[in-house]
Protein backbone atom coordinates (compact mmCIF):
# COMPACT_ATOMS: atom_id res chain seq x y z
CA UNK A 1 105.93 68.43 148.53
CA UNK A 2 105.03 64.87 147.60
CA UNK A 3 105.28 63.79 151.25
CA UNK A 4 102.96 66.59 152.33
CA UNK A 5 100.40 65.68 149.65
CA UNK A 6 100.55 62.01 150.69
CA UNK A 7 100.19 63.01 154.35
CA UNK A 8 97.11 65.12 153.56
CA UNK A 9 95.61 62.21 151.63
CA UNK A 10 96.04 59.86 154.59
CA UNK A 11 95.41 62.40 157.37
CA UNK A 12 93.18 65.22 156.11
CA UNK A 13 93.73 68.62 157.66
CA UNK A 14 90.89 71.12 158.04
CA UNK A 15 91.24 74.05 155.67
CA UNK A 16 93.88 72.33 153.52
CA UNK A 17 93.71 73.26 149.83
CA UNK A 18 95.19 69.86 149.03
CA UNK A 19 92.33 68.13 150.84
CA UNK A 20 89.77 70.37 149.14
CA UNK A 21 91.27 69.49 145.79
CA UNK A 22 91.40 65.76 146.53
CA UNK A 23 87.78 65.86 147.72
CA UNK A 24 86.67 67.66 144.55
CA UNK A 25 87.31 64.52 142.49
CA UNK A 26 89.37 63.41 139.54
CA UNK A 27 87.70 65.66 136.97
CA UNK A 28 88.46 68.82 138.96
CA UNK A 29 92.03 67.74 139.70
CA UNK A 30 92.66 66.95 136.03
CA UNK A 31 91.08 70.27 135.04
CA UNK A 32 93.44 72.14 137.38
CA UNK A 33 96.46 70.36 135.86
CA UNK A 34 95.28 71.41 132.40
CA UNK A 35 94.71 75.01 133.47
CA UNK A 36 98.14 75.24 135.06
CA UNK A 37 99.80 73.70 132.00
CA UNK A 38 98.19 76.30 129.74
CA UNK A 39 99.22 79.11 132.10
CA UNK A 40 102.81 77.83 132.10
CA UNK A 41 102.90 77.75 128.30
CA UNK A 42 101.61 81.33 128.18
CA UNK A 43 104.26 82.51 130.63
CA UNK A 44 106.99 80.61 128.74
CA UNK A 45 106.44 82.94 125.78
CA UNK A 46 107.33 85.99 127.87
CA UNK A 47 110.49 86.88 129.75
CA UNK A 48 109.15 87.23 133.29
CA UNK A 49 111.16 84.75 135.36
CA UNK A 50 108.99 85.09 138.48
CA UNK A 51 105.70 84.50 136.67
CA UNK A 52 107.15 81.58 134.72
CA UNK A 53 108.55 79.88 137.82
CA UNK A 54 105.33 80.54 139.73
CA UNK A 55 103.30 78.80 137.04
CA UNK A 56 105.86 75.96 136.89
CA UNK A 57 105.46 75.49 140.64
CA UNK A 58 101.66 75.53 140.33
CA UNK A 59 101.77 72.91 137.59
CA UNK A 60 104.16 70.69 139.54
CA UNK A 61 101.98 70.87 142.66
CA UNK A 62 98.75 70.05 140.82
CA UNK A 63 100.51 67.27 138.85
CA UNK A 64 101.64 65.70 142.12
CA UNK A 65 98.11 65.94 143.53
CA UNK A 66 96.87 64.16 140.39
CA UNK A 67 99.47 61.42 140.81
CA UNK A 68 98.49 60.97 144.47
CA UNK A 69 94.79 60.88 143.60
CA UNK A 70 95.53 58.12 141.08
CA UNK A 71 97.61 56.21 143.65
CA UNK A 72 101.00 56.91 142.06
CA UNK A 73 104.17 58.78 143.00
CA UNK A 74 106.94 60.57 141.14
CA UNK A 75 109.01 57.42 141.61
CA UNK A 76 106.50 55.56 139.42
CA UNK A 77 106.92 58.15 136.67
CA UNK A 78 110.71 58.04 136.99
CA UNK A 79 110.62 54.24 136.54
CA UNK A 80 108.81 54.72 133.24
CA UNK A 81 111.33 57.34 132.10
CA UNK A 82 114.28 55.13 133.04
CA UNK A 83 112.78 52.18 131.21
CA UNK A 84 112.51 54.29 128.07
CA UNK A 85 116.23 55.01 128.10
CA UNK A 86 117.64 51.51 128.51
C-alpha cells in the first residue's frame, strides 16, 4: 500500500482517491486520520470483526497517506520505535 501511495504522489492518476486526498491538503488529510481513528475506537467496543478490521484498514491507509504527505515512510516510524527500545 505504501508503494502505491508513493507512486500516486509522484505520478498522479486521474480519478485516484489517493490523489484527491493529497490534493486536498494537510488539514483534510489529518482530519481523515482523526475520523478513522474515532471510527476504529467505536468499532473496537463491539464484537463485529469485519467492521473492526475495515476501520483498521481505513485508518492504516489514511495514516500512510499522511506520512507520505509529510515526506515520511513507515520505515521512519519504525526507526523511532526501535530507538525507544534500545
